[in-house]
Amino acid sequence: MVRQLNVLLLLRGLIREQRHWGDFIAKLQHAFPEHQIVCIDLPGNGQNNTLKSLTTIGANAEFVNAELSRLNLSDANIHVVAISLGAMVAIELALLRPISSMTLINTSVSGLIPFYKRLRSDNYTNIIKAVINEPCEREKLILKMTSERFNESAIIQQRQYIALDAPVSIKNFLIQLKAAAKFKLPDKPNCPIQLLASKTDKLVSYQCSTALAEKWQIPIYLSGYGGHDLTLDNAEWVVEKLKCLVFNKAF
């Protein structure tokens, strides 16, 4: 009997790409040596930065599903790890195909919590600056909003290199921002789900995740350290939570 392939599918958020996972991928591979790690960049980002971004979260989910088929992973056990906008895409993806488990990090949906908590109001000016600034300055602003490690020169340089190597256009930035803002919560997917959130997230209130946990009656775990980019700030904690869900679920 042929054993099904086990896959960890990683989806990033707004104007982010697979290189923004940083060393989280290596830590994940060490913890899951028998799993294949697959990263898919959404249209407008990373390897797909020359494509026009899609106007809805559902359309992005369809894109990811098509990519899984192209990679011959349609029959694999897919465990999704997704952050922010990527978590919204993961929710829609679970309505298109079987998903073995989902770990959703620092996400939000409209209708459950006031808009000023989905995107903290004290960041509005910085968001505008990020949209209009050139890539290197944009990355400094984004890092300051999303990570406790915003002063580390090596991380700043890495992010700036990515921004120059695969720039995201202002038009695509705005399309993605609009898609995230108008995302509506569908019915709960039929798979094990856990929510991870940071109490010190400066971009999105962790109450967005607690509201979703209450709505769907699913587990939520709160980190006392780390920003919106929790896999950058507290990678080991995320990996441990993921191991508990994946190994208890299937293997």
Protein backbone atom coordinates (compact mmCIF):
# COMPACT_ATOMS: atom_id res chain seq x y z
CA MET A 1 0.00 0.00 0.00
CA VAL A 2 1.37 3.39 -1.03
CA ARG A 3 1.52 5.86 1.83
CA GLN A 4 0.10 9.29 1.15
CA LEU A 5 2.53 12.16 0.99
CA ASN A 6 2.41 14.46 4.01
CA VAL A 7 2.72 18.13 3.16
CA LEU A 8 3.08 21.30 5.21
CA LEU A 9 1.65 24.07 3.04
CA LEU A 10 2.85 27.56 4.03
CA LEU A 11 0.90 30.66 3.04
CA ARG A 12 2.08 34.20 3.82
CA GLY A 13 0.10 37.42 4.21
CA LEU A 14 -0.26 40.86 2.66
CA ILE A 15 2.56 41.65 0.16
CA ARG A 16 4.66 38.88 1.72
CA GLU A 17 6.29 35.91 -0.01
CA GLN A 18 7.92 32.62 0.88
CA ARG A 19 11.34 34.12 1.66
CA HIS A 20 9.71 36.09 4.47
CA TRP A 21 9.39 32.83 6.42
CA GLY A 22 13.15 33.12 7.00
CA ASP A 23 14.67 30.37 9.16
CA PHE A 24 11.21 29.21 10.26
CA ILE A 25 11.26 26.80 7.31
CA ALA A 26 14.48 25.14 8.49
CA LYS A 27 13.10 24.82 12.02
CA LEU A 28 9.91 23.35 10.64
CA GLN A 29 11.77 20.83 8.48
CA HIS A 30 13.82 19.74 11.49
CA ALA A 31 10.63 19.12 13.48
CA PHE A 32 8.86 17.40 10.55
CA PRO A 33 11.60 15.47 8.70
CA GLU A 34 9.11 13.21 6.90
CA HIS A 35 6.94 16.05 5.63
CA GLN A 36 7.42 17.96 2.43
CA ILE A 37 7.29 21.71 2.95
CA VAL A 38 5.57 23.60 0.14
CA CYS A 39 5.39 27.40 -0.12
CA ILE A 40 3.08 29.05 -2.62
CA ASP A 41 3.35 32.76 -3.37
CA LEU A 42 0.05 34.50 -4.05
CA PRO A 43 -0.30 36.47 -7.31
CA GLY A 44 1.53 39.78 -7.06
CA ASN A 45 4.10 38.49 -4.56
CA GLY A 46 7.46 36.73 -4.69
CA GLN A 47 7.84 34.33 -7.59
CA ASN A 48 4.48 35.60 -8.88
CA ASN A 49 5.16 39.31 -8.43
CA THR A 50 4.66 40.04 -12.13
CA LEU A 51 1.07 38.74 -11.96
CA LYS A 52 -1.83 41.00 -11.10
CA SER A 53 -3.08 40.37 -7.57
CA LEU A 54 -6.51 38.79 -7.29
CA THR A 55 -9.41 40.85 -6.02
CA THR A 56 -10.93 38.32 -3.62
CA ILE A 57 -9.66 35.87 -1.04
CA GLY A 58 -11.67 33.13 -2.75
CA ALA A 59 -9.87 33.72 -6.04
CA ASN A 60 -6.52 33.41 -4.23
CA ALA A 61 -7.67 30.11 -2.74
CA GLU A 62 -8.54 28.84 -6.21
CA PHE A 63 -5.06 29.86 -7.37
CA VAL A 64 -3.45 27.90 -4.52
CA ASN A 65 -5.62 24.87 -5.25
CA ALA A 66 -4.59 24.96 -8.91
CA GLU A 67 -0.93 25.19 -7.87
CA LEU A 68 -1.31 22.11 -5.66
CA SER A 69 -2.70 20.24 -8.66
CA ARG A 70 0.16 21.47 -10.85
CA LEU A 71 2.63 20.18 -8.24
CA ASN A 72 0.86 16.78 -8.23
CA LEU A 73 -0.20 17.24 -4.61
CA SER A 74 -3.95 16.85 -5.05
CA ASP A 75 -3.96 13.55 -3.15
CA ALA A 76 -1.52 14.56 -0.41
CA ASN A 77 -2.33 15.07 3.27
CA ILE A 78 -2.18 18.86 3.42
CA HIS A 79 -1.49 20.56 6.76
CA VAL A 80 -1.73 24.31 6.31
CA VAL A 81 0.31 26.87 8.23
CA ALA A 82 -0.87 30.35 7.31
CA ILE A 83 -0.49 33.86 8.62
CA SER A 84 -2.71 36.94 8.37
CA LEU A 85 -4.15 37.27 4.84
CA GLY A 86 -2.72 33.82 4.10
CA ALA A 87 -4.92 32.40 6.86
CA MET A 88 -7.97 33.88 5.13
CA VAL A 89 -6.89 32.10 1.94
CA ALA A 90 -6.45 28.86 3.90
CA ILE A 91 -10.02 29.05 5.19
CA GLU A 92 -11.34 29.38 1.64
CA LEU A 93 -8.99 26.65 0.41
CA ALA A 94 -10.52 24.21 2.90
CA LEU A 95 -13.86 24.72 1.15
CA LEU A 96 -12.32 23.62 -2.17
CA ARG A 97 -10.40 20.47 -1.16
CA PRO A 98 -9.76 18.18 1.83
CA ILE A 99 -7.37 19.67 4.38
CA SER A 100 -5.83 17.55 7.15
CA SER A 101 -5.35 20.44 9.57
CA MET A 102 -4.99 24.21 9.69
CA THR A 103 -2.88 26.40 11.94
CA LEU A 104 -3.96 30.00 11.45
CA ILE A 105 -1.75 32.76 12.81
CA ASN A 106 -2.77 36.34 13.69
CA THR A 107 -5.67 36.50 11.27
CA SER A 108 -8.92 38.48 11.22
CA VAL A 109 -12.26 38.58 9.43
CA SER A 110 -14.87 41.27 9.08
CA GLY A 111 -18.11 41.07 11.02
CA LEU A 112 -16.67 39.58 14.21
CA ILE A 113 -14.83 42.58 15.58
CA PRO A 114 -14.62 46.34 14.87
CA PHE A 115 -12.51 47.35 11.86
CA TYR A 116 -10.14 49.41 14.01
CA LYS A 117 -9.07 46.21 15.76
CA ARG A 118 -8.66 44.26 12.51
CA LEU A 119 -6.07 46.88 11.63
CA ARG A 120 -5.03 48.88 14.68
CA SER A 121 -5.89 52.54 14.14
CA ASP A 122 -2.48 53.83 15.22
CA ASN A 123 -1.01 52.12 12.12
CA TYR A 124 -3.15 53.91 9.53
CA THR A 125 -0.51 56.57 8.86
CA ASN A 126 2.24 53.97 8.60
CA ILE A 127 0.17 51.89 6.18
CA ILE A 128 -0.22 54.92 3.91
CA LYS A 129 3.51 55.61 4.16
CA ALA A 130 4.25 51.97 3.35
CA VAL A 131 2.08 52.15 0.23
CA ILE A 132 3.70 55.28 -1.17
CA ASN A 133 7.32 54.78 -0.04
CA GLU A 134 10.04 53.16 -2.10
CA PRO A 135 10.66 49.44 -1.32
CA CYS A 136 13.52 49.76 1.18
CA GLU A 137 11.73 52.33 3.34
CA ARG A 138 8.51 50.35 3.01
CA GLU A 139 10.20 47.29 4.48
CA LYS A 140 11.48 49.23 7.49
CA LEU A 141 7.95 50.45 8.20
CA ILE A 142 6.42 47.00 7.77
CA LEU A 143 9.02 45.39 10.02
CA LYS A 144 8.40 48.00 12.71
CA MET A 145 4.66 47.29 12.59
CA THR A 146 4.97 43.50 12.51
CA SER A 147 8.01 42.40 14.51
CA GLU A 148 9.78 42.92 17.82
CA ARG A 149 13.03 42.44 15.88
CA PHE A 150 12.65 45.57 13.76
CA ASN A 151 16.04 46.94 14.84
CA GLU A 152 18.09 43.92 13.75
CA SER A 153 20.20 45.01 10.79
CA ALA A 154 20.49 41.52 9.28
CA ILE A 155 16.71 41.15 9.10
CA ILE A 156 16.27 44.67 7.71
CA GLN A 157 18.84 43.97 4.98
CA GLN A 158 17.25 40.63 4.11
CA ARG A 159 13.79 42.21 3.81
CA GLN A 160 15.13 45.05 1.70
CA TYR A 161 16.91 42.61 -0.60
CA ILE A 162 13.65 40.70 -1.12
CA ALA A 163 11.76 43.93 -1.79
CA LEU A 164 14.23 44.95 -4.50
CA ASP A 165 14.53 41.46 -5.98
CA ALA A 166 10.77 40.87 -6.32
CA PRO A 167 9.03 44.21 -5.82
CA VAL A 168 5.31 44.36 -5.15
CA SER A 169 3.63 47.13 -7.11
CA ILE A 170 1.55 49.78 -5.37
CA LYS A 171 -1.45 48.63 -7.40
CA ASN A 172 -1.06 45.04 -6.18
CA PHE A 173 -0.53 46.26 -2.61
CA LEU A 174 -3.87 48.07 -2.74
CA ILE A 175 -5.68 45.14 -4.37
CA GLN A 176 -4.49 42.77 -1.65
CA LEU A 177 -5.38 45.24 1.10
CA LYS A 178 -8.91 45.59 -0.29
CA ALA A 179 -9.34 41.81 -0.65
CA ALA A 180 -8.37 41.31 3.00
CA ALA A 181 -10.62 44.14 4.20
CA LYS A 182 -13.76 42.75 2.54
CA PHE A 183 -13.21 39.06 3.40
CA LYS A 184 -16.33 37.52 4.93
CA LEU A 185 -16.19 34.48 7.17
CA PRO A 186 -17.64 31.34 5.53
CA ASP A 187 -18.91 28.28 7.39
CA LYS A 188 -16.36 26.47 9.52
CA PRO A 189 -14.25 24.05 7.44
CA ASN A 190 -14.52 20.38 8.30
CA CYS A 191 -10.99 19.82 9.57
CA PRO A 192 -9.02 20.29 12.80
CA ILE A 193 -8.13 23.97 13.25
CA GLN A 194 -6.09 25.84 15.82
CA LEU A 195 -5.52 29.57 16.13
CA LEU A 196 -2.25 31.14 17.23
CA ALA A 197 -2.04 34.81 18.13
CA SER A 198 0.26 37.24 19.86
CA LYS A 199 -0.98 39.37 22.71
CA THR A 200 1.63 41.96 21.70
CA ASP A 201 0.66 42.13 18.01
CA LYS A 202 0.92 45.83 17.11
CA LEU A 203 -0.77 45.50 13.71
CA VAL A 204 -3.88 43.37 14.36
CA SER A 205 -5.52 42.91 17.75
CA TYR A 206 -5.30 39.37 19.11
CA GLN A 207 -8.99 39.78 19.94
CA CYS A 208 -9.67 39.11 16.25
CA SER A 209 -8.41 35.57 16.82
CA THR A 210 -10.22 35.11 20.13
CA ALA A 211 -13.48 36.20 18.47
CA LEU A 212 -12.97 33.64 15.70
CA ALA A 213 -12.13 30.93 18.25
CA GLU A 214 -15.36 31.66 20.08
CA LYS A 215 -17.39 31.74 16.86
CA TRP A 216 -16.10 28.39 15.64
CA GLN A 217 -15.46 26.82 19.07
CA ILE A 218 -11.87 25.92 18.24
CA PRO A 219 -8.64 26.00 20.27
CA ILE A 220 -6.62 29.19 20.49
CA TYR A 221 -3.16 29.67 21.97
CA LEU A 222 -1.81 33.10 22.85
CA SER A 223 1.86 34.00 22.86
CA GLY A 224 3.07 36.54 25.39
CA TYR A 225 5.91 37.56 23.09
CA GLY A 226 6.11 38.47 19.43
CA GLY A 227 4.48 40.71 16.91
CA HIS A 228 2.22 40.07 13.95
CA ASP A 229 5.02 38.11 12.25
CA LEU A 230 4.96 35.47 14.96
CA THR A 231 7.04 32.95 13.01
CA LEU A 232 9.86 35.48 12.93
CA ASP A 233 9.62 36.50 16.57
CA ASN A 234 8.64 33.23 18.28
CA ALA A 235 9.26 30.43 15.79
CA GLU A 236 9.98 27.67 18.32
CA TRP A 237 6.65 28.26 20.07
CA VAL A 238 4.77 28.07 16.77
CA VAL A 239 6.55 24.84 15.81
CA GLU A 240 5.66 23.20 19.13
CA LYS A 241 1.98 24.11 18.76
CA LEU A 242 2.01 22.80 15.22
CA LYS A 243 3.57 19.49 16.29
CA CYS A 244 0.83 18.95 18.86
CA LEU A 245 -1.92 19.41 16.26
CA VAL A 246 -0.36 17.48 13.36
CA PHE A 247 0.99 14.47 15.26
CA ASN A 248 -2.03 14.07 17.49
CA LYS A 249 -4.32 14.32 14.49
CA ALA A 250 -2.93 11.85 12.01
CA PHE A 251 0.22 10.04 12.94
